[in-house]
Amino acid sequence: MGLLTLAIISGFAFLDNMFAQHLAHKTILSLAAWVIFATLLFSHHR
């Protein structure tokens, strides 16, 4: 999750458009995966 978070943040910071046509699917699904893992970690802890 730490690495995935770094990848998402650096993508938004350094790529021209993370929601461009050739990146939209990867961006949306990567964010969805991040939410799934974040939910799991939060629910495991709380």
ModelCIF file with pLDDT and N, C-alpha, C, O atoms, coordinates in Angstrom:
data_MODEL
#
_entry.id   MODEL 
#
_entity.id                         1 
_entity.type                       polymer 
_entity.pdbx_number_of_molecules   1 
#
_entity_poly.entity_id                      1 
_entity_poly.type                           'polypeptide(L)' 
_entity_poly.nstd_linkage                   no 
_entity_poly.nstd_monomer                   no 
_entity_poly.pdbx_seq_one_letter_code       MGLLTLAIISGFAFLDNMFAQHLAHKTILSLAAWVIFATLLFSHHR 
_entity_poly.pdbx_seq_one_letter_code_can   MGLLTLAIISGFAFLDNMFAQHLAHKTILSLAAWVIFATLLFSHHR 
_entity_poly.pdbx_strand_id                 A 
#
loop_
_entity_poly_seq.entity_id 
_entity_poly_seq.num 
_entity_poly_seq.mon_id 
_entity_poly_seq.hetero 
1 1  MET n 
1 2  GLY n 
1 3  LEU n 
1 4  LEU n 
1 5  THR n 
1 6  LEU n 
1 7  ALA n 
1 8  ILE n 
1 9  ILE n 
1 10 SER n 
1 11 GLY n 
1 12 PHE n 
1 13 ALA n 
1 14 PHE n 
1 15 LEU n 
1 16 ASP n 
1 17 ASN n 
1 18 MET n 
1 19 PHE n 
1 20 ALA n 
1 21 GLN n 
1 22 HIS n 
1 23 LEU n 
1 24 ALA n 
1 25 HIS n 
1 26 LYS n 
1 27 THR n 
1 28 ILE n 
1 29 LEU n 
1 30 SER n 
1 31 LEU n 
1 32 ALA n 
1 33 ALA n 
1 34 TRP n 
1 35 VAL n 
1 36 ILE n 
1 37 PHE n 
1 38 ALA n 
1 39 THR n 
1 40 LEU n 
1 41 LEU n 
1 42 PHE n 
1 43 SER n 
1 44 HIS n 
1 45 HIS n 
1 46 ARG n 
#
_struct_asym.id          A 
_struct_asym.entity_id   1 
#
loop_
_ma_qa_metric.id 
_ma_qa_metric.mode 
_ma_qa_metric.name 
_ma_qa_metric.software_group_id 
_ma_qa_metric.type 
1 global pLDDT . pLDDT 
2 local  pLDDT . pLDDT 
#
_ma_qa_metric_global.metric_id      1 
_ma_qa_metric_global.metric_value   87.87 
_ma_qa_metric_global.model_id       1 
_ma_qa_metric_global.ordinal_id     1 
#
loop_
_ma_qa_metric_local.label_asym_id 
_ma_qa_metric_local.label_comp_id 
_ma_qa_metric_local.label_seq_id 
_ma_qa_metric_local.metric_id 
_ma_qa_metric_local.metric_value 
_ma_qa_metric_local.model_id 
_ma_qa_metric_local.ordinal_id 
A MET 1  2 96.00 1 1  
A GLY 2  2 96.00 1 2  
A LEU 3  2 96.00 1 3  
A LEU 4  2 95.00 1 4  
A THR 5  2 96.00 1 5  
A LEU 6  2 95.00 1 6  
A ALA 7  2 93.00 1 7  
A ILE 8  2 93.00 1 8  
A ILE 9  2 93.00 1 9  
A SER 10 2 91.00 1 10 
A GLY 11 2 88.00 1 11 
A PHE 12 2 88.00 1 12 
A ALA 13 2 86.00 1 13 
A PHE 14 2 80.00 1 14 
A LEU 15 2 79.00 1 15 
A ASP 16 2 75.00 1 16 
A ASN 17 2 73.00 1 17 
A MET 18 2 71.00 1 18 
A PHE 19 2 70.00 1 19 
A ALA 20 2 66.00 1 20 
A GLN 21 2 56.00 1 21 
A HIS 22 2 64.00 1 22 
A LEU 23 2 70.00 1 23 
A ALA 24 2 77.00 1 24 
A HIS 25 2 81.00 1 25 
A LYS 26 2 84.00 1 26 
A THR 27 2 87.00 1 27 
A ILE 28 2 90.00 1 28 
A LEU 29 2 91.00 1 29 
A SER 30 2 92.00 1 30 
A LEU 31 2 94.00 1 31 
A ALA 32 2 95.00 1 32 
A ALA 33 2 96.00 1 33 
A TRP 34 2 96.00 1 34 
A VAL 35 2 97.00 1 35 
A ILE 36 2 97.00 1 36 
A PHE 37 2 97.00 1 37 
A ALA 38 2 97.00 1 38 
A THR 39 2 97.00 1 39 
A LEU 40 2 97.00 1 40 
A LEU 41 2 96.00 1 41 
A PHE 42 2 96.00 1 42 
A SER 43 2 96.00 1 43 
A HIS 44 2 95.00 1 44 
A HIS 45 2 92.00 1 45 
A ARG 46 2 92.00 1 46 
#
loop_
_atom_site.group_PDB 
_atom_site.id 
_atom_site.type_symbol 
_atom_site.label_atom_id 
_atom_site.label_alt_id 
_atom_site.label_comp_id 
_atom_site.label_asym_id 
_atom_site.label_entity_id 
_atom_site.label_seq_id 
_atom_site.pdbx_PDB_ins_code 
_atom_site.Cartn_x 
_atom_site.Cartn_y 
_atom_site.Cartn_z 
_atom_site.occupancy 
_atom_site.B_iso_or_equiv 
_atom_site.pdbx_formal_charge 
_atom_site.auth_seq_id 
_atom_site.auth_comp_id 
_atom_site.auth_asym_id 
_atom_site.auth_atom_id 
_atom_site.pdbx_PDB_model_num 
ATOM 1   N N  . MET A 1 1  ? 0.823   -1.209 0.000   1.00 96.00 ? 1  MET A N  1 
ATOM 2   C CA . MET A 1 1  ? 0.000   0.000  0.000   1.00 96.00 ? 1  MET A CA 1 
ATOM 3   C C  . MET A 1 1  ? 0.857   1.259  0.000   1.00 96.00 ? 1  MET A C  1 
ATOM 4   O O  . MET A 1 1  ? 0.519   2.241  -0.661  1.00 96.00 ? 1  MET A O  1 
ATOM 5   N N  . GLY A 1 2  ? 1.964   1.236  0.738   1.00 96.00 ? 2  GLY A N  1 
ATOM 6   C CA . GLY A 1 2  ? 2.855   2.394  0.733   1.00 96.00 ? 2  GLY A CA 1 
ATOM 7   C C  . GLY A 1 2  ? 3.395   2.677  -0.660  1.00 96.00 ? 2  GLY A C  1 
ATOM 8   O O  . GLY A 1 2  ? 3.429   3.824  -1.105  1.00 96.00 ? 2  GLY A O  1 
ATOM 9   N N  . LEU A 1 3  ? 3.815   1.620  -1.338  1.00 96.00 ? 3  LEU A N  1 
ATOM 10  C CA . LEU A 1 3  ? 4.337   1.776  -2.692  1.00 96.00 ? 3  LEU A CA 1 
ATOM 11  C C  . LEU A 1 3  ? 3.245   2.178  -3.673  1.00 96.00 ? 3  LEU A C  1 
ATOM 12  O O  . LEU A 1 3  ? 3.473   3.010  -4.551  1.00 96.00 ? 3  LEU A O  1 
ATOM 13  N N  . LEU A 1 4  ? 2.056   1.588  -3.530  1.00 95.00 ? 4  LEU A N  1 
ATOM 14  C CA . LEU A 1 4  ? 0.945   1.940  -4.410  1.00 95.00 ? 4  LEU A CA 1 
ATOM 15  C C  . LEU A 1 4  ? 0.527   3.392  -4.204  1.00 95.00 ? 4  LEU A C  1 
ATOM 16  O O  . LEU A 1 4  ? 0.200   4.087  -5.166  1.00 95.00 ? 4  LEU A O  1 
ATOM 17  N N  . THR A 1 5  ? 0.538   3.854  -2.950  1.00 96.00 ? 5  THR A N  1 
ATOM 18  C CA . THR A 1 5  ? 0.220   5.254  -2.670  1.00 96.00 ? 5  THR A CA 1 
ATOM 19  C C  . THR A 1 5  ? 1.241   6.181  -3.315  1.00 96.00 ? 5  THR A C  1 
ATOM 20  O O  . THR A 1 5  ? 0.881   7.198  -3.906  1.00 96.00 ? 5  THR A O  1 
ATOM 21  N N  . LEU A 1 6  ? 2.517   5.825  -3.198  1.00 95.00 ? 6  LEU A N  1 
ATOM 22  C CA . LEU A 1 6  ? 3.576   6.619  -3.837  1.00 95.00 ? 6  LEU A CA 1 
ATOM 23  C C  . LEU A 1 6  ? 3.395   6.643  -5.350  1.00 95.00 ? 6  LEU A C  1 
ATOM 24  O O  . LEU A 1 6  ? 3.598   7.677  -5.986  1.00 95.00 ? 6  LEU A O  1 
ATOM 25  N N  . ALA A 1 7  ? 3.013   5.499  -5.929  1.00 93.00 ? 7  ALA A N  1 
ATOM 26  C CA . ALA A 1 7  ? 2.809   5.432  -7.379  1.00 93.00 ? 7  ALA A CA 1 
ATOM 27  C C  . ALA A 1 7  ? 1.660   6.333  -7.818  1.00 93.00 ? 7  ALA A C  1 
ATOM 28  O O  . ALA A 1 7  ? 1.761   7.022  -8.833  1.00 93.00 ? 7  ALA A O  1 
ATOM 29  N N  . ILE A 1 8  ? 0.572   6.328  -7.057  1.00 93.00 ? 8  ILE A N  1 
ATOM 30  C CA . ILE A 1 8  ? -0.585  7.153  -7.424  1.00 93.00 ? 8  ILE A CA 1 
ATOM 31  C C  . ILE A 1 8  ? -0.258  8.632  -7.279  1.00 93.00 ? 8  ILE A C  1 
ATOM 32  O O  . ILE A 1 8  ? -0.572  9.425  -8.166  1.00 93.00 ? 8  ILE A O  1 
ATOM 33  N N  . ILE A 1 9  ? 0.375   9.012  -6.162  1.00 93.00 ? 9  ILE A N  1 
ATOM 34  C CA . ILE A 1 9  ? 0.714   10.428 -5.941  1.00 93.00 ? 9  ILE A CA 1 
ATOM 35  C C  . ILE A 1 9  ? 1.701   10.924 -6.993  1.00 93.00 ? 9  ILE A C  1 
ATOM 36  O O  . ILE A 1 9  ? 1.523   12.006 -7.553  1.00 93.00 ? 9  ILE A O  1 
ATOM 37  N N  . SER A 1 10 ? 2.752   10.127 -7.266  1.00 91.00 ? 10 SER A N  1 
ATOM 38  C CA . SER A 1 10 ? 3.738   10.540 -8.261  1.00 91.00 ? 10 SER A CA 1 
ATOM 39  C C  . SER A 1 10 ? 3.129   10.579 -9.659  1.00 91.00 ? 10 SER A C  1 
ATOM 40  O O  . SER A 1 10 ? 3.534   11.388 -10.494 1.00 91.00 ? 10 SER A O  1 
ATOM 41  N N  . GLY A 1 11 ? 2.161   9.706  -9.912  1.00 88.00 ? 11 GLY A N  1 
ATOM 42  C CA . GLY A 1 11 ? 1.485   9.733  -11.205 1.00 88.00 ? 11 GLY A CA 1 
ATOM 43  C C  . GLY A 1 11 ? 0.733   11.030 -11.421 1.00 88.00 ? 11 GLY A C  1 
ATOM 44  O O  . GLY A 1 11 ? 0.833   11.646 -12.482 1.00 88.00 ? 11 GLY A O  1 
ATOM 45  N N  . PHE A 1 12 ? -0.026  11.445 -10.408 1.00 88.00 ? 12 PHE A N  1 
ATOM 46  C CA . PHE A 1 12 ? -0.755  12.706 -10.519 1.00 88.00 ? 12 PHE A CA 1 
ATOM 47  C C  . PHE A 1 12 ? 0.196   13.897 -10.565 1.00 88.00 ? 12 PHE A C  1 
ATOM 48  O O  . PHE A 1 12 ? -0.106  14.915 -11.187 1.00 88.00 ? 12 PHE A O  1 
ATOM 49  N N  . ALA A 1 13 ? 1.349   13.766 -9.902  1.00 86.00 ? 13 ALA A N  1 
ATOM 50  C CA . ALA A 1 13 ? 2.292   14.894 -9.839  1.00 86.00 ? 13 ALA A CA 1 
ATOM 51  C C  . ALA A 1 13 ? 3.107   15.043 -11.123 1.00 86.00 ? 13 ALA A C  1 
ATOM 52  O O  . ALA A 1 13 ? 3.385   16.163 -11.551 1.00 86.00 ? 13 ALA A O  1 
ATOM 53  N N  . PHE A 1 14 ? 3.493   13.918 -11.744 1.00 80.00 ? 14 PHE A N  1 
ATOM 54  C CA . PHE A 1 14 ? 4.475   13.986 -12.821 1.00 80.00 ? 14 PHE A CA 1 
ATOM 55  C C  . PHE A 1 14 ? 3.944   13.599 -14.199 1.00 80.00 ? 14 PHE A C  1 
ATOM 56  O O  . PHE A 1 14 ? 4.564   13.940 -15.206 1.00 80.00 ? 14 PHE A O  1 
ATOM 57  N N  . LEU A 1 15 ? 2.818   12.899 -14.271 1.00 79.00 ? 15 LEU A N  1 
ATOM 58  C CA . LEU A 1 15 ? 2.249   12.578 -15.575 1.00 79.00 ? 15 LEU A CA 1 
ATOM 59  C C  . LEU A 1 15 ? 1.329   13.706 -16.014 1.00 79.00 ? 15 LEU A C  1 
ATOM 60  O O  . LEU A 1 15 ? 0.699   14.365 -15.186 1.00 79.00 ? 15 LEU A O  1 
ATOM 61  N N  . ASP A 1 16 ? 1.258   13.923 -17.317 1.00 75.00 ? 16 ASP A N  1 
ATOM 62  C CA . ASP A 1 16 ? 0.481   15.057 -17.826 1.00 75.00 ? 16 ASP A CA 1 
ATOM 63  C C  . ASP A 1 16 ? -0.994  14.948 -17.455 1.00 75.00 ? 16 ASP A C  1 
ATOM 64  O O  . ASP A 1 16 ? -1.597  15.927 -17.015 1.00 75.00 ? 16 ASP A O  1 
ATOM 65  N N  . ASN A 1 17 ? -1.571  13.778 -17.628 1.00 73.00 ? 17 ASN A N  1 
ATOM 66  C CA . ASN A 1 17 ? -2.999  13.604 -17.347 1.00 73.00 ? 17 ASN A CA 1 
ATOM 67  C C  . ASN A 1 17 ? -3.254  12.152 -16.996 1.00 73.00 ? 17 ASN A C  1 
ATOM 68  O O  . ASN A 1 17 ? -3.258  11.295 -17.880 1.00 73.00 ? 17 ASN A O  1 
ATOM 69  N N  . MET A 1 18 ? -3.468  11.859 -15.721 1.00 71.00 ? 18 MET A N  1 
ATOM 70  C CA . MET A 1 18 ? -3.677  10.483 -15.280 1.00 71.00 ? 18 MET A CA 1 
ATOM 71  C C  . MET A 1 18 ? -4.995  9.907  -15.789 1.00 71.00 ? 18 MET A C  1 
ATOM 72  O O  . MET A 1 18 ? -5.202  8.693  -15.763 1.00 71.00 ? 18 MET A O  1 
ATOM 73  N N  . PHE A 1 19 ? -5.893  10.795 -16.258 1.00 70.00 ? 19 PHE A N  1 
ATOM 74  C CA . PHE A 1 19 ? -7.176  10.325 -16.780 1.00 70.00 ? 19 PHE A CA 1 
ATOM 75  C C  . PHE A 1 19 ? -7.244  10.456 -18.303 1.00 70.00 ? 19 PHE A C  1 
ATOM 76  O O  . PHE A 1 19 ? -8.329  10.465 -18.884 1.00 70.00 ? 19 PHE A O  1 
ATOM 77  N N  . ALA A 1 20 ? -6.070  10.557 -18.948 1.00 66.00 ? 20 ALA A N  1 
ATOM 78  C CA . ALA A 1 20 ? -6.040  10.522 -20.413 1.00 66.00 ? 20 ALA A CA 1 
ATOM 79  C C  . ALA A 1 20 ? -6.546  9.173  -20.894 1.00 66.00 ? 20 ALA A C  1 
ATOM 80  O O  . ALA A 1 20 ? -6.590  8.211  -20.127 1.00 66.00 ? 20 ALA A O  1 
ATOM 81  N N  . GLN A 1 21 ? -6.926  9.100  -22.153 1.00 56.00 ? 21 GLN A N  1 
ATOM 82  C CA . GLN A 1 21 ? -7.598  7.907  -22.671 1.00 56.00 ? 21 GLN A CA 1 
ATOM 83  C C  . GLN A 1 21 ? -6.781  6.637  -22.431 1.00 56.00 ? 21 GLN A C  1 
ATOM 84  O O  . GLN A 1 21 ? -7.343  5.601  -22.077 1.00 56.00 ? 21 GLN A O  1 
ATOM 85  N N  . HIS A 1 22 ? -5.444  6.707  -22.624 1.00 64.00 ? 22 HIS A N  1 
ATOM 86  C CA . HIS A 1 22 ? -4.632  5.501  -22.509 1.00 64.00 ? 22 HIS A CA 1 
ATOM 87  C C  . HIS A 1 22 ? -4.289  5.157  -21.059 1.00 64.00 ? 22 HIS A C  1 
ATOM 88  O O  . HIS A 1 22 ? -3.744  4.087  -20.787 1.00 64.00 ? 22 HIS A O  1 
ATOM 89  N N  . LEU A 1 23 ? -4.611  6.072  -20.115 1.00 70.00 ? 23 LEU A N  1 
ATOM 90  C CA . LEU A 1 23 ? -4.309  5.828  -18.707 1.00 70.00 ? 23 LEU A CA 1 
ATOM 91  C C  . LEU A 1 23 ? -5.552  5.735  -17.827 1.00 70.00 ? 23 LEU A C  1 
ATOM 92  O O  . LEU A 1 23 ? -5.460  5.347  -16.663 1.00 70.00 ? 23 LEU A O  1 
ATOM 93  N N  . ALA A 1 24 ? -6.715  6.090  -18.375 1.00 77.00 ? 24 ALA A N  1 
ATOM 94  C CA . ALA A 1 24 ? -7.922  6.199  -17.553 1.00 77.00 ? 24 ALA A CA 1 
ATOM 95  C C  . ALA A 1 24 ? -8.262  4.887  -16.852 1.00 77.00 ? 24 ALA A C  1 
ATOM 96  O O  . ALA A 1 24 ? -8.556  4.878  -15.656 1.00 77.00 ? 24 ALA A O  1 
ATOM 97  N N  . HIS A 1 25 ? -8.223  3.769  -17.601 1.00 81.00 ? 25 HIS A N  1 
ATOM 98  C CA . HIS A 1 25 ? -8.588  2.489  -16.999 1.00 81.00 ? 25 HIS A CA 1 
ATOM 99  C C  . HIS A 1 25 ? -7.624  2.122  -15.868 1.00 81.00 ? 25 HIS A C  1 
ATOM 100 O O  . HIS A 1 25 ? -8.047  1.688  -14.796 1.00 81.00 ? 25 HIS A O  1 
ATOM 101 N N  . LYS A 1 26 ? -6.338  2.299  -16.118 1.00 84.00 ? 26 LYS A N  1 
ATOM 102 C CA . LYS A 1 26 ? -5.345  1.966  -15.090 1.00 84.00 ? 26 LYS A CA 1 
ATOM 103 C C  . LYS A 1 26 ? -5.524  2.845  -13.861 1.00 84.00 ? 26 LYS A C  1 
ATOM 104 O O  . LYS A 1 26 ? -5.456  2.359  -12.732 1.00 84.00 ? 26 LYS A O  1 
ATOM 105 N N  . THR A 1 27 ? -5.753  4.136  -14.073 1.00 87.00 ? 27 THR A N  1 
ATOM 106 C CA . THR A 1 27 ? -5.905  5.063  -12.949 1.00 87.00 ? 27 THR A CA 1 
ATOM 107 C C  . THR A 1 27 ? -7.117  4.720  -12.105 1.00 87.00 ? 27 THR A C  1 
ATOM 108 O O  . THR A 1 27 ? -7.023  4.632  -10.880 1.00 87.00 ? 27 THR A O  1 
ATOM 109 N N  . ILE A 1 28 ? -8.258  4.526  -12.755 1.00 90.00 ? 28 ILE A N  1 
ATOM 110 C CA . ILE A 1 28 ? -9.499  4.248  -12.021 1.00 90.00 ? 28 ILE A CA 1 
ATOM 111 C C  . ILE A 1 28 ? -9.405  2.930  -11.267 1.00 90.00 ? 28 ILE A C  1 
ATOM 112 O O  . ILE A 1 28 ? -9.805  2.844  -10.106 1.00 90.00 ? 28 ILE A O  1 
ATOM 113 N N  . LEU A 1 29 ? -8.875  1.900  -11.930 1.00 91.00 ? 29 LEU A N  1 
ATOM 114 C CA . LEU A 1 29 ? -8.776  0.591  -11.281 1.00 91.00 ? 29 LEU A CA 1 
ATOM 115 C C  . LEU A 1 29 ? -7.712  0.588  -10.187 1.00 91.00 ? 29 LEU A C  1 
ATOM 116 O O  . LEU A 1 29 ? -7.885  -0.080 -9.168  1.00 91.00 ? 29 LEU A O  1 
ATOM 117 N N  . SER A 1 30 ? -6.616  1.321  -10.376 1.00 92.00 ? 30 SER A N  1 
ATOM 118 C CA . SER A 1 30 ? -5.603  1.428  -9.332  1.00 92.00 ? 30 SER A CA 1 
ATOM 119 C C  . SER A 1 30 ? -6.177  2.119  -8.096  1.00 92.00 ? 30 SER A C  1 
ATOM 120 O O  . SER A 1 30 ? -5.914  1.703  -6.967  1.00 92.00 ? 30 SER A O  1 
ATOM 121 N N  . LEU A 1 31 ? -6.957  3.168  -8.312  1.00 94.00 ? 31 LEU A N  1 
ATOM 122 C CA . LEU A 1 31 ? -7.612  3.843  -7.191  1.00 94.00 ? 31 LEU A CA 1 
ATOM 123 C C  . LEU A 1 31 ? -8.614  2.914  -6.505  1.00 94.00 ? 31 LEU A C  1 
ATOM 124 O O  . LEU A 1 31 ? -8.739  2.927  -5.280  1.00 94.00 ? 31 LEU A O  1 
ATOM 125 N N  . ALA A 1 32 ? -9.328  2.108  -7.296  1.00 95.00 ? 32 ALA A N  1 
ATOM 126 C CA . ALA A 1 32 ? -10.274 1.155  -6.716  1.00 95.00 ? 32 ALA A CA 1 
ATOM 127 C C  . ALA A 1 32 ? -9.545  0.114  -5.870  1.00 95.00 ? 32 ALA A C  1 
ATOM 128 O O  . ALA A 1 32 ? -9.998  -0.234 -4.780  1.00 95.00 ? 32 ALA A O  1 
ATOM 129 N N  . ALA A 1 33 ? -8.402  -0.386 -6.382  1.00 96.00 ? 33 ALA A N  1 
ATOM 130 C CA . ALA A 1 33 ? -7.606  -1.345 -5.609  1.00 96.00 ? 33 ALA A CA 1 
ATOM 131 C C  . ALA A 1 33 ? -7.096  -0.701 -4.326  1.00 96.00 ? 33 ALA A C  1 
ATOM 132 O O  . ALA A 1 33 ? -7.092  -1.334 -3.271  1.00 96.00 ? 33 ALA A O  1 
ATOM 133 N N  . TRP A 1 34 ? -6.664  0.559  -4.414  1.00 96.00 ? 34 TRP A N  1 
ATOM 134 C CA . TRP A 1 34 ? -6.185  1.277  -3.224  1.00 96.00 ? 34 TRP A CA 1 
ATOM 135 C C  . TRP A 1 34 ? -7.292  1.361  -2.169  1.00 96.00 ? 34 TRP A C  1 
ATOM 136 O O  . TRP A 1 34 ? -7.045  1.155  -0.981  1.00 96.00 ? 34 TRP A O  1 
ATOM 137 N N  . VAL A 1 35 ? -8.500  1.662  -2.612  1.00 97.00 ? 35 VAL A N  1 
ATOM 138 C CA . VAL A 1 35 ? -9.641  1.755  -1.679  1.00 97.00 ? 35 VAL A CA 1 
ATOM 139 C C  . VAL A 1 35 ? -9.918  0.399  -1.028  1.00 97.00 ? 35 VAL A C  1 
ATOM 140 O O  . VAL A 1 35 ? -10.207 0.329  0.167   1.00 97.00 ? 35 VAL A O  1 
ATOM 141 N N  . ILE A 1 36 ? -9.829  -0.679 -1.816  1.00 97.00 ? 36 ILE A N  1 
ATOM 142 C CA . ILE A 1 36 ? -10.067 -2.023 -1.270  1.00 97.00 ? 36 ILE A CA 1 
ATOM 143 C C  . ILE A 1 36 ? -9.038  -2.361 -0.196  1.00 97.00 ? 36 ILE A C  1 
ATOM 144 O O  . ILE A 1 36 ? -9.397  -2.823 0.887   1.00 97.00 ? 36 ILE A O  1 
ATOM 145 N N  . PHE A 1 37 ? -7.768  -2.134 -0.491  1.00 97.00 ? 37 PHE A N  1 
ATOM 146 C CA . PHE A 1 37 ? -6.728  -2.448 0.487   1.00 97.00 ? 37 PHE A CA 1 
ATOM 147 C C  . PHE A 1 37 ? -6.808  -1.524 1.696   1.00 97.00 ? 37 PHE A C  1 
ATOM 148 O O  . PHE A 1 37 ? -6.593  -1.961 2.827   1.00 97.00 ? 37 PHE A O  1 
ATOM 149 N N  . ALA A 1 38 ? -7.119  -0.236 1.464   1.00 97.00 ? 38 ALA A N  1 
ATOM 150 C CA . ALA A 1 38 ? -7.251  0.700  2.582   1.00 97.00 ? 38 ALA A CA 1 
ATOM 151 C C  . ALA A 1 38 ? -8.413  0.300  3.492   1.00 97.00 ? 38 ALA A C  1 
ATOM 152 O O  . ALA A 1 38 ? -8.307  0.377  4.716   1.00 97.00 ? 38 ALA A O  1 
ATOM 153 N N  . THR A 1 39 ? -9.514  -0.125 2.888   1.00 97.00 ? 39 THR A N  1 
ATOM 154 C CA . THR A 1 39 ? -10.665 -0.587 3.678   1.00 97.00 ? 39 THR A CA 1 
ATOM 155 C C  . THR A 1 39 ? -10.299 -1.808 4.510   1.00 97.00 ? 39 THR A C  1 
ATOM 156 O O  . THR A 1 39 ? -10.677 -1.913 5.677   1.00 97.00 ? 39 THR A O  1 
ATOM 157 N N  . LEU A 1 40 ? -9.561  -2.728 3.899   1.00 97.00 ? 40 LEU A N  1 
ATOM 158 C CA . LEU A 1 40 ? -9.138  -3.933 4.621   1.00 97.00 ? 40 LEU A CA 1 
ATOM 159 C C  . LEU A 1 40 ? -8.237  -3.576 5.793   1.00 97.00 ? 40 LEU A C  1 
ATOM 160 O O  . LEU A 1 40 ? -8.436  -4.086 6.895   1.00 97.00 ? 40 LEU A O  1 
ATOM 161 N N  . LEU A 1 41 ? -7.254  -2.715 5.580   1.00 96.00 ? 41 LEU A N  1 
ATOM 162 C CA . LEU A 1 41 ? -6.336  -2.347 6.654   1.00 96.00 ? 41 LEU A CA 1 
ATOM 163 C C  . LEU A 1 41 ? -7.058  -1.603 7.775   1.00 96.00 ? 41 LEU A C  1 
ATOM 164 O O  . LEU A 1 41 ? -6.816  -1.866 8.953   1.00 96.00 ? 41 LEU A O  1 
ATOM 165 N N  . PHE A 1 42 ? -7.942  -0.676 7.414   1.00 96.00 ? 42 PHE A N  1 
ATOM 166 C CA . PHE A 1 42 ? -8.703  0.061  8.422   1.00 96.00 ? 42 PHE A CA 1 
ATOM 167 C C  . PHE A 1 42 ? -9.605  -0.884 9.211   1.00 96.00 ? 42 PHE A C  1 
ATOM 168 O O  . PHE A 1 42 ? -9.673  -0.802 10.437  1.00 96.00 ? 42 PHE A O  1 
ATOM 169 N N  . SER A 1 43 ? -10.292 -1.773 8.513   1.00 96.00 ? 43 SER A N  1 
ATOM 170 C CA . SER A 1 43 ? -11.227 -2.685 9.176   1.00 96.00 ? 43 SER A CA 1 
ATOM 171 C C  . SER A 1 43 ? -10.489 -3.710 10.036  1.00 96.00 ? 43 SER A C  1 
ATOM 172 O O  . SER A 1 43 ? -10.988 -4.135 11.078  1.00 96.00 ? 43 SER A O  1 
ATOM 173 N N  . HIS A 1 44 ? -9.296  -4.100 9.588   1.00 95.00 ? 44 HIS A N  1 
ATOM 174 C CA . HIS A 1 44 ? -8.494  -5.015 10.413  1.00 95.00 ? 44 HIS A CA 1 
ATOM 175 C C  . HIS A 1 44 ? -8.088  -4.332 11.718  1.00 95.00 ? 44 HIS A C  1 
ATOM 176 O O  . HIS A 1 44 ? -8.110  -4.942 12.787  1.00 95.00 ? 44 HIS A O  1 
ATOM 177 N N  . HIS A 1 45 ? -7.718  -3.054 11.611  1.00 92.00 ? 45 HIS A N  1 
ATOM 178 C CA . HIS A 1 45 ? -7.259  -2.325 12.794  1.00 92.00 ? 45 HIS A CA 1 
ATOM 179 C C  . HIS A 1 45 ? -8.411  -1.961 13.730  1.00 92.00 ? 45 HIS A C  1 
ATOM 180 O O  . HIS A 1 45 ? -8.281  -2.071 14.949  1.00 92.00 ? 45 HIS A O  1 
ATOM 181 N N  . ARG A 1 46 ? -9.545  -1.526 13.156  1.00 92.00 ? 46 ARG A N  1 
ATOM 182 C CA . ARG A 1 46 ? -10.640 -1.027 13.991  1.00 92.00 ? 46 ARG A CA 1 
ATOM 183 C C  . ARG A 1 46 ? -11.726 -2.066 14.269  1.00 92.00 ? 46 ARG A C  1 
ATOM 184 O O  . ARG A 1 46 ? -12.701 -1.771 14.959  1.00 92.00 ? 46 ARG A O  1 
#
